[in-house]
Amino acid sequence: MKKSWYEIENKSNNRVKIAIVGDIGEHGISASMFKAALDKHSDAEHLDFDIYSQGGNMYDGLYMFDYLSQHPAHKTARVVTIAASAATLPLMAMDVVNMPSNSKIMIHQPMANIHSANSDILRKVAGFMDEMQAVAIDIYQHKTKLNRNKLAEMINAETYMSAAEAKNLGFANAVLSPFAIKNHIDDVDLIESIRDLENYLRDAGGLSKSQATGIVAKAKTIMQREAGNDVQKQQLAELSARLERTADIVKKFKNLTT
């Protein structure tokens, strides 16, 4: 069954409603898809977002933040169930963030998906992760005005915020009435990505986040081991190339608040 991850509805000549449901990145709504869709509405005066996402690729999230920051429309977002990890980045570009009382926001440290790497690559990854976390703190601080040390503590602790907490801390502007909760992934036929499998194990299987991600990580490790050294070498080459590209992203976002 094909999913609708991303939907834009032109409500009027000057107001556009956007629904983002699922991953941020190649398994859901990528930066290129996001840009291509919104470029068609460059003259919109109002952009209204509904966002349900447990996160995804930070690079795509950073691009979305930058794109929305430059868009002249008045931007309003409603968090549907949860906006976590990379999905919080485009939220920070909104003029108004509304959260139903039973929705949540989560921020945490940037993560790298590494299955096999030497010490040089691991050191590079650690350095880039620190750089990317500093960029995320810049973005969160611009919206919330919180102290950088406070934001770093929240990120390092993997902090989940209720709607009321998010409002008090400056991540949200208003708390709305609760919405009806429904599992978003409750059918095996809807599983099309690793993140879908994690969601299914949590929503339908009743596992905790750490249990679900642990099972999926173990499965990926086993599959990679069986795939052989050629696949591992290719993955390491792709990782190295991505790390090189990260340097340009970091430079671009270092001065967001200056």
C-alpha atoms as a PDB file:
ATOM      1  CA  MET A   1       0.000   0.000   0.000  1.00  0.00           C
ATOM      2  CA  LYS A   2       1.468   3.325  -1.008  1.00  0.00           C
ATOM      3  CA  LYS A   3       1.694   6.013   1.653  1.00  0.00           C
ATOM      4  CA  SER A   4       1.061   9.704   1.320  1.00  0.00           C
ATOM      5  CA  TRP A   5       4.005  11.136   3.232  1.00  0.00           C
ATOM      6  CA  TYR A   6       3.598  14.646   2.020  1.00  0.00           C
ATOM      7  CA  GLU A   7       0.549  16.604   0.886  1.00  0.00           C
ATOM      8  CA  ILE A   8      -0.025  20.210  -0.134  1.00  0.00           C
ATOM      9  CA  GLU A   9      -3.485  21.651  -0.477  1.00  0.00           C
ATOM     10  CA  ASN A  10      -4.019  25.113  -1.922  1.00  0.00           C
ATOM     11  CA  LYS A  11      -6.819  26.346   0.305  1.00  0.00           C
ATOM     12  CA  SER A  12      -7.110  29.728  -1.381  1.00  0.00           C
ATOM     13  CA  ASN A  13      -5.124  32.115  -3.506  1.00  0.00           C
ATOM     14  CA  ASN A  14      -2.916  33.136  -0.599  1.00  0.00           C
ATOM     15  CA  ARG A  15      -3.143  30.260   1.930  1.00  0.00           C
ATOM     16  CA  VAL A  16      -1.578  26.816   1.525  1.00  0.00           C
ATOM     17  CA  LYS A  17      -1.976  23.852   3.892  1.00  0.00           C
ATOM     18  CA  ILE A  18       0.928  21.388   4.114  1.00  0.00           C
ATOM     19  CA  ALA A  19       0.816  17.964   5.790  1.00  0.00           C
ATOM     20  CA  ILE A  20       4.133  16.255   6.575  1.00  0.00           C
ATOM     21  CA  VAL A  21       3.641  12.695   7.815  1.00  0.00           C
ATOM     22  CA  GLY A  22       6.591  10.346   8.275  1.00  0.00           C
ATOM     23  CA  ASP A  23      10.338  10.553   8.031  1.00  0.00           C
ATOM     24  CA  ILE A  24      12.405  13.604   7.174  1.00  0.00           C
ATOM     25  CA  GLY A  25      14.776  12.458   4.421  1.00  0.00           C
ATOM     26  CA  GLU A  26      15.005   9.916   1.643  1.00  0.00           C
ATOM     27  CA  HIS A  27      12.528   7.471   3.208  1.00  0.00           C
ATOM     28  CA  GLY A  28       9.860  10.151   3.569  1.00  0.00           C
ATOM     29  CA  ILE A  29       9.924  13.806   2.562  1.00  0.00           C
ATOM     30  CA  SER A  30      13.349  14.817   1.268  1.00  0.00           C
ATOM     31  CA  ALA A  31      14.708  18.348   1.030  1.00  0.00           C
ATOM     32  CA  SER A  32      14.441  18.265  -2.772  1.00  0.00           C
ATOM     33  CA  MET A  33      10.803  17.134  -2.658  1.00  0.00           C
ATOM     34  CA  PHE A  34      10.037  19.808  -0.090  1.00  0.00           C
ATOM     35  CA  LYS A  35      11.608  22.557  -2.189  1.00  0.00           C
ATOM     36  CA  ALA A  36      10.002  21.435  -5.448  1.00  0.00           C
ATOM     37  CA  ALA A  37       6.546  21.416  -3.866  1.00  0.00           C
ATOM     38  CA  LEU A  38       6.810  24.723  -2.042  1.00  0.00           C
ATOM     39  CA  ASP A  39       8.454  26.520  -4.962  1.00  0.00           C
ATOM     40  CA  LYS A  40       5.058  26.285  -6.651  1.00  0.00           C
ATOM     41  CA  HIS A  41       3.634  28.434  -3.860  1.00  0.00           C
ATOM     42  CA  SER A  42       6.347  31.065  -3.545  1.00  0.00           C
ATOM     43  CA  ASP A  43       3.710  33.833  -3.550  1.00  0.00           C
ATOM     44  CA  ALA A  44       1.599  32.327  -0.742  1.00  0.00           C
ATOM     45  CA  GLU A  45       0.934  34.697   2.133  1.00  0.00           C
ATOM     46  CA  HIS A  46       0.170  31.955   4.672  1.00  0.00           C
ATOM     47  CA  LEU A  47       1.649  28.454   5.071  1.00  0.00           C
ATOM     48  CA  ASP A  48      -0.194  26.179   7.527  1.00  0.00           C
ATOM     49  CA  PHE A  49       1.665  22.996   8.506  1.00  0.00           C
ATOM     50  CA  ASP A  50       0.524  19.791  10.186  1.00  0.00           C
ATOM     51  CA  ILE A  51       3.595  17.790  11.217  1.00  0.00           C
ATOM     52  CA  TYR A  52       3.798  14.204  12.463  1.00  0.00           C
ATOM     53  CA  SER A  53       7.352  12.897  12.330  1.00  0.00           C
ATOM     54  CA  GLN A  54       9.688  10.964  14.583  1.00  0.00           C
ATOM     55  CA  GLY A  55      12.652  12.527  12.805  1.00  0.00           C
ATOM     56  CA  GLY A  56      15.048  11.401  10.122  1.00  0.00           C
ATOM     57  CA  ASN A  57      17.951  12.991   8.272  1.00  0.00           C
ATOM     58  CA  MET A  58      19.349  16.101   9.935  1.00  0.00           C
ATOM     59  CA  TYR A  59      20.732  17.451   6.642  1.00  0.00           C
ATOM     60  CA  ASP A  60      17.246  17.500   5.137  1.00  0.00           C
ATOM     61  CA  GLY A  61      15.855  19.057   8.308  1.00  0.00           C
ATOM     62  CA  LEU A  62      18.461  21.820   8.166  1.00  0.00           C
ATOM     63  CA  TYR A  63      17.632  22.549   4.550  1.00  0.00           C
ATOM     64  CA  MET A  64      13.924  22.776   5.355  1.00  0.00           C
ATOM     65  CA  PHE A  65      14.672  25.192   8.193  1.00  0.00           C
ATOM     66  CA  ASP A  66      16.747  27.402   5.924  1.00  0.00           C
ATOM     67  CA  TYR A  67      14.170  27.317   3.121  1.00  0.00           C
ATOM     68  CA  LEU A  68      11.290  28.208   5.435  1.00  0.00           C
ATOM     69  CA  SER A  69      13.297  30.939   7.167  1.00  0.00           C
ATOM     70  CA  GLN A  70      13.634  32.691   3.821  1.00  0.00           C
ATOM     71  CA  HIS A  71      10.031  32.171   2.702  1.00  0.00           C
ATOM     72  CA  PRO A  72       8.094  35.465   3.060  1.00  0.00           C
ATOM     73  CA  ALA A  73       4.788  33.841   4.084  1.00  0.00           C
ATOM     74  CA  HIS A  74       3.465  33.815   7.644  1.00  0.00           C
ATOM     75  CA  LYS A  75       4.111  30.251   8.792  1.00  0.00           C
ATOM     76  CA  THR A  76       2.050  28.326  11.345  1.00  0.00           C
ATOM     77  CA  ALA A  77       2.588  24.718  12.424  1.00  0.00           C
ATOM     78  CA  ARG A  78       0.524  22.248  14.434  1.00  0.00           C
ATOM     79  CA  VAL A  79       2.320  19.271  15.966  1.00  0.00           C
ATOM     80  CA  VAL A  80       0.265  16.112  15.410  1.00  0.00           C
ATOM     81  CA  THR A  81       1.247  13.487  18.012  1.00  0.00           C
ATOM     82  CA  ILE A  82       4.980  14.190  17.862  1.00  0.00           C
ATOM     83  CA  ALA A  83       7.702  16.193  16.157  1.00  0.00           C
ATOM     84  CA  ALA A  84      11.036  14.675  17.115  1.00  0.00           C
ATOM     85  CA  SER A  85      14.699  14.938  16.230  1.00  0.00           C
ATOM     86  CA  ALA A  86      15.202  16.340  12.701  1.00  0.00           C
ATOM     87  CA  ALA A  87      11.497  17.222  12.470  1.00  0.00           C
ATOM     88  CA  THR A  88      11.975  19.910  15.130  1.00  0.00           C
ATOM     89  CA  LEU A  89      14.281  21.895  12.826  1.00  0.00           C
ATOM     90  CA  PRO A  90      11.657  23.112  10.324  1.00  0.00           C
ATOM     91  CA  LEU A  91       9.405  23.834  13.334  1.00  0.00           C
ATOM     92  CA  MET A  92      11.919  26.421  14.510  1.00  0.00           C
ATOM     93  CA  ALA A  93      11.383  28.442  11.302  1.00  0.00           C
ATOM     94  CA  MET A  94       7.673  28.894  12.057  1.00  0.00           C
ATOM     95  CA  ASP A  95       6.190  32.168  13.192  1.00  0.00           C
ATOM     96  CA  VAL A  96       3.718  30.228  15.337  1.00  0.00           C
ATOM     97  CA  VAL A  97       3.985  26.661  16.681  1.00  0.00           C
ATOM     98  CA  ASN A  98       0.754  25.210  18.089  1.00  0.00           C
ATOM     99  CA  MET A  99       0.687  21.961  20.055  1.00  0.00           C
ATOM    100  CA  PRO A 100      -2.382  19.968  21.102  1.00  0.00           C
ATOM    101  CA  SER A 101      -2.114  19.207  24.806  1.00  0.00           C
ATOM    102  CA  ASN A 102      -1.341  15.518  24.165  1.00  0.00           C
ATOM    103  CA  SER A 103       1.409  16.103  21.587  1.00  0.00           C
ATOM    104  CA  LYS A 104       5.142  16.109  22.219  1.00  0.00           C
ATOM    105  CA  ILE A 105       8.431  17.511  20.932  1.00  0.00           C
ATOM    106  CA  MET A 106      11.725  15.658  21.355  1.00  0.00           C
ATOM    107  CA  ILE A 107      15.295  16.876  20.876  1.00  0.00           C
ATOM    108  CA  HIS A 108      18.460  14.800  21.134  1.00  0.00           C
ATOM    109  CA  GLN A 109      22.039  14.524  19.964  1.00  0.00           C
ATOM    110  CA  PRO A 110      22.709  14.048  16.229  1.00  0.00           C
ATOM    111  CA  MET A 111      23.308  10.402  15.443  1.00  0.00           C
ATOM    112  CA  ALA A 112      25.347   8.622  12.757  1.00  0.00           C
ATOM    113  CA  ASN A 113      24.245   5.266  11.368  1.00  0.00           C
ATOM    114  CA  ILE A 114      27.552   3.368  11.361  1.00  0.00           C
ATOM    115  CA  HIS A 115      27.817  -0.412  11.205  1.00  0.00           C
ATOM    116  CA  SER A 116      31.496  -0.834  10.442  1.00  0.00           C
ATOM    117  CA  ALA A 117      34.254   1.808  10.460  1.00  0.00           C
ATOM    118  CA  ASN A 118      37.901   2.302  11.352  1.00  0.00           C
ATOM    119  CA  SER A 119      39.196   4.657  14.054  1.00  0.00           C
ATOM    120  CA  ASP A 120      39.908   7.518  11.625  1.00  0.00           C
ATOM    121  CA  ILE A 121      36.341   7.529  10.346  1.00  0.00           C
ATOM    122  CA  LEU A 122      34.947   7.311  13.874  1.00  0.00           C
ATOM    123  CA  ARG A 123      36.993  10.344  14.955  1.00  0.00           C
ATOM    124  CA  LYS A 124      35.756  12.289  11.919  1.00  0.00           C
ATOM    125  CA  VAL A 125      32.183  11.281  12.663  1.00  0.00           C
ATOM    126  CA  ALA A 126      32.474  12.364  16.298  1.00  0.00           C
ATOM    127  CA  GLY A 127      33.841  15.749  15.266  1.00  0.00           C
ATOM    128  CA  PHE A 128      31.103  16.327  12.720  1.00  0.00           C
ATOM    129  CA  MET A 129      28.424  15.254  15.199  1.00  0.00           C
ATOM    130  CA  ASP A 130      29.707  17.885  17.634  1.00  0.00           C
ATOM    131  CA  GLU A 131      29.594  20.499  14.866  1.00  0.00           C
ATOM    132  CA  MET A 132      26.065  19.540  13.882  1.00  0.00           C
ATOM    133  CA  GLN A 133      24.900  19.670  17.500  1.00  0.00           C
ATOM    134  CA  ALA A 134      26.283  23.211  17.758  1.00  0.00           C
ATOM    135  CA  VAL A 135      24.268  24.143  14.657  1.00  0.00           C
ATOM    136  CA  ALA A 136      21.103  22.652  16.190  1.00  0.00           C
ATOM    137  CA  ILE A 137      21.696  24.651  19.383  1.00  0.00           C
ATOM    138  CA  ASP A 138      22.021  27.829  17.280  1.00  0.00           C
ATOM    139  CA  ILE A 139      18.638  27.121  15.709  1.00  0.00           C
ATOM    140  CA  TYR A 140      16.872  26.215  18.968  1.00  0.00           C
ATOM    141  CA  GLN A 141      18.317  29.261  20.712  1.00  0.00           C
ATOM    142  CA  HIS A 142      17.144  31.579  17.949  1.00  0.00           C
ATOM    143  CA  LYS A 143      13.563  30.397  18.543  1.00  0.00           C
ATOM    144  CA  THR A 144      13.515  29.851  22.300  1.00  0.00           C
ATOM    145  CA  LYS A 145      16.075  32.399  23.585  1.00  0.00           C
ATOM    146  CA  LEU A 146      17.205  29.739  26.076  1.00  0.00           C
ATOM    147  CA  ASN A 147      20.774  29.641  27.379  1.00  0.00           C
ATOM    148  CA  ARG A 148      23.090  27.508  25.214  1.00  0.00           C
ATOM    149  CA  ASN A 149      24.172  25.416  28.208  1.00  0.00           C
ATOM    150  CA  LYS A 150      20.528  24.683  29.037  1.00  0.00           C
ATOM    151  CA  LEU A 151      19.872  23.604  25.446  1.00  0.00           C
ATOM    152  CA  ALA A 152      22.990  21.426  25.411  1.00  0.00           C
ATOM    153  CA  GLU A 153      21.810  19.693  28.603  1.00  0.00           C
ATOM    154  CA  MET A 154      18.389  19.049  27.066  1.00  0.00           C
ATOM    155  CA  ILE A 155      19.889  17.683  23.860  1.00  0.00           C
ATOM    156  CA  ASN A 156      22.364  15.431  25.674  1.00  0.00           C
ATOM    157  CA  ALA A 157      19.582  14.055  27.873  1.00  0.00           C
ATOM    158  CA  GLU A 158      17.244  13.302  24.898  1.00  0.00           C
ATOM    159  CA  THR A 159      14.430  15.484  26.177  1.00  0.00           C
ATOM    160  CA  TYR A 160      10.748  14.868  25.492  1.00  0.00           C
ATOM    161  CA  MET A 161       8.562  17.920  26.090  1.00  0.00           C
ATOM    162  CA  SER A 162       4.837  17.999  26.628  1.00  0.00           C
ATOM    163  CA  ALA A 163       2.917  20.797  24.953  1.00  0.00           C
ATOM    164  CA  ALA A 164       2.888  22.808  28.175  1.00  0.00           C
ATOM    165  CA  GLU A 165       6.611  22.270  28.726  1.00  0.00           C
ATOM    166  CA  ALA A 166       7.417  23.189  25.129  1.00  0.00           C
ATOM    167  CA  LYS A 167       5.414  26.401  25.477  1.00  0.00           C
ATOM    168  CA  ASN A 168       7.092  27.322  28.752  1.00  0.00           C
ATOM    169  CA  LEU A 169      10.530  26.749  27.228  1.00  0.00           C
ATOM    170  CA  GLY A 170       9.787  28.706  24.044  1.00  0.00           C
ATOM    171  CA  PHE A 171       9.613  25.831  21.561  1.00  0.00           C
ATOM    172  CA  ALA A 172       5.866  26.356  21.099  1.00  0.00           C
ATOM    173  CA  ASN A 173       3.600  29.389  21.167  1.00  0.00           C
ATOM    174  CA  ALA A 174       0.251  27.921  22.199  1.00  0.00           C
ATOM    175  CA  VAL A 175      -1.341  24.772  23.646  1.00  0.00           C
ATOM    176  CA  LEU A 176      -4.464  23.533  21.848  1.00  0.00           C
ATOM    177  CA  SER A 177      -7.205  21.079  22.753  1.00  0.00           C
ATOM    178  CA  PRO A 178      -6.128  17.409  22.596  1.00  0.00           C
ATOM    179  CA  PHE A 179      -6.591  15.397  19.433  1.00  0.00           C
ATOM    180  CA  ALA A 180      -7.803  11.805  19.124  1.00  0.00           C
ATOM    181  CA  ILE A 181      -4.835   9.423  19.287  1.00  0.00           C
ATOM    182  CA  LYS A 182      -4.517   6.783  16.591  1.00  0.00           C
ATOM    183  CA  ASN A 183      -1.656   4.465  15.726  1.00  0.00           C
ATOM    184  CA  HIS A 184       0.028   5.686  12.561  1.00  0.00           C
ATOM    185  CA  ILE A 185       1.693   2.366  11.758  1.00  0.00           C
ATOM    186  CA  ASP A 186      -0.535  -0.569  12.632  1.00  0.00           C
ATOM    187  CA  ASP A 187      -0.487  -2.681   9.457  1.00  0.00           C
ATOM    188  CA  VAL A 188       2.447  -4.879   8.384  1.00  0.00           C
ATOM    189  CA  ASP A 189       1.630  -4.095   4.743  1.00  0.00           C
ATOM    190  CA  LEU A 190       2.448  -0.424   5.404  1.00  0.00           C
ATOM    191  CA  ILE A 191       6.051  -1.145   6.414  1.00  0.00           C
ATOM    192  CA  GLU A 192       8.279   0.231   3.680  1.00  0.00           C
ATOM    193  CA  SER A 193      11.378   1.440   5.555  1.00  0.00           C
ATOM    194  CA  ILE A 194      13.539   0.807   8.615  1.00  0.00           C
ATOM    195  CA  ARG A 195      11.797   3.660  10.436  1.00  0.00           C
ATOM    196  CA  ASP A 196       8.406   2.118   9.596  1.00  0.00           C
ATOM    197  CA  LEU A 197       9.550  -1.133  11.189  1.00  0.00           C
ATOM    198  CA  GLU A 198      10.652   0.716  14.335  1.00  0.00           C
ATOM    199  CA  ASN A 199       7.301   2.526  14.464  1.00  0.00           C
ATOM    200  CA  TYR A 200       5.405  -0.739  13.972  1.00  0.00           C
ATOM    201  CA  LEU A 201       7.284  -2.430  16.793  1.00  0.00           C
ATOM    202  CA  ARG A 202       6.424   0.514  19.042  1.00  0.00           C
ATOM    203  CA  ASP A 203       2.832   1.233  17.973  1.00  0.00           C
ATOM    204  CA  ALA A 204       1.535  -2.266  17.266  1.00  0.00           C
ATOM    205  CA  GLY A 205       4.088  -4.373  19.132  1.00  0.00           C
ATOM    206  CA  GLY A 206       4.000  -2.366  22.334  1.00  0.00           C
ATOM    207  CA  LEU A 207       7.783  -2.101  22.613  1.00  0.00           C
ATOM    208  CA  SER A 208       9.612   0.895  24.020  1.00  0.00           C
ATOM    209  CA  LYS A 209      11.654   3.124  21.726  1.00  0.00           C
ATOM    210  CA  SER A 210      14.943   1.622  22.934  1.00  0.00           C
ATOM    211  CA  GLN A 211      13.655  -1.921  22.500  1.00  0.00           C
ATOM    212  CA  ALA A 212      12.380  -1.244  18.968  1.00  0.00           C
ATOM    213  CA  THR A 213      15.525   0.520  17.792  1.00  0.00           C
ATOM    214  CA  GLY A 214      17.674  -2.172  19.433  1.00  0.00           C
ATOM    215  CA  ILE A 215      15.902  -4.972  17.573  1.00  0.00           C
ATOM    216  CA  VAL A 216      16.135  -3.138  14.252  1.00  0.00           C
ATOM    217  CA  ALA A 217      19.817  -2.277  14.807  1.00  0.00           C
ATOM    218  CA  LYS A 218      20.601  -5.917  15.571  1.00  0.00           C
ATOM    219  CA  ALA A 219      18.756  -7.062  12.439  1.00  0.00           C
ATOM    220  CA  LYS A 220      20.647  -4.534  10.310  1.00  0.00           C
ATOM    221  CA  THR A 221      23.973  -5.694  11.771  1.00  0.00           C
ATOM    222  CA  ILE A 222      23.196  -9.317  10.982  1.00  0.00           C
ATOM    223  CA  MET A 223      22.107  -8.509   7.424  1.00  0.00           C
ATOM    224  CA  GLN A 224      25.188  -6.400   6.823  1.00  0.00           C
ATOM    225  CA  ARG A 225      27.485  -9.121   8.142  1.00  0.00           C
ATOM    226  CA  GLU A 226      25.902 -11.591   5.765  1.00  0.00           C
ATOM    227  CA  ALA A 227      26.156  -9.181   2.847  1.00  0.00           C
ATOM    228  CA  GLY A 228      29.954  -9.437   2.845  1.00  0.00           C
ATOM    229  CA  ASN A 229      32.933  -7.130   2.762  1.00  0.00           C
ATOM    230  CA  ASP A 230      32.149  -5.538  -0.621  1.00  0.00           C
ATOM    231  CA  VAL A 231      28.934  -4.036   0.689  1.00  0.00           C
ATOM    232  CA  GLN A 232      30.682  -2.815   3.830  1.00  0.00           C
ATOM    233  CA  LYS A 233      33.385  -1.116   1.784  1.00  0.00           C
ATOM    234  CA  GLN A 234      30.752   0.610  -0.335  1.00  0.00           C
ATOM    235  CA  GLN A 235      28.914   1.818   2.763  1.00  0.00           C
ATOM    236  CA  LEU A 236      32.126   3.192   4.243  1.00  0.00           C
ATOM    237  CA  ALA A 237      32.896   5.018   1.004  1.00  0.00           C
ATOM    238  CA  GLU A 238      29.417   6.549   0.992  1.00  0.00           C
ATOM    239  CA  LEU A 239      29.806   7.572   4.634  1.00  0.00           C
ATOM    240  CA  SER A 240      33.142   9.259   3.930  1.00  0.00           C
ATOM    241  CA  ALA A 241      31.621  11.196   1.038  1.00  0.00           C
ATOM    242  CA  ARG A 242      28.713  12.306   3.212  1.00  0.00           C
ATOM    243  CA  LEU A 243      31.086  13.479   5.923  1.00  0.00           C
ATOM    244  CA  GLU A 244      32.908  15.626   3.395  1.00  0.00           C
ATOM    245  CA  ARG A 245      29.631  17.226   2.334  1.00  0.00           C
ATOM    246  CA  THR A 246      28.749  17.861   5.969  1.00  0.00           C
ATOM    247  CA  ALA A 247      31.558  20.399   6.280  1.00  0.00           C
ATOM    248  CA  ASP A 248      29.820  22.692   3.800  1.00  0.00           C
ATOM    249  CA  ILE A 249      26.508  22.379   5.669  1.00  0.00           C
ATOM    250  CA  VAL A 250      28.145  23.231   8.981  1.00  0.00           C
ATOM    251  CA  LYS A 251      29.813  26.330   7.538  1.00  0.00           C
ATOM    252  CA  LYS A 252      26.498  27.526   6.124  1.00  0.00           C
ATOM    253  CA  PHE A 253      24.561  27.210   9.363  1.00  0.00           C
ATOM    254  CA  LYS A 254      27.283  28.326  11.791  1.00  0.00           C
ATOM    255  CA  ASN A 255      26.280  31.970  11.418  1.00  0.00           C
ATOM    256  CA  LEU A 256      22.495  31.610  11.442  1.00  0.00           C
ATOM    257  CA  THR A 257      21.996  33.971  14.346  1.00  0.00           C
ATOM    258  CA  THR A 258      24.671  36.513  13.462  1.00  0.00           C
END
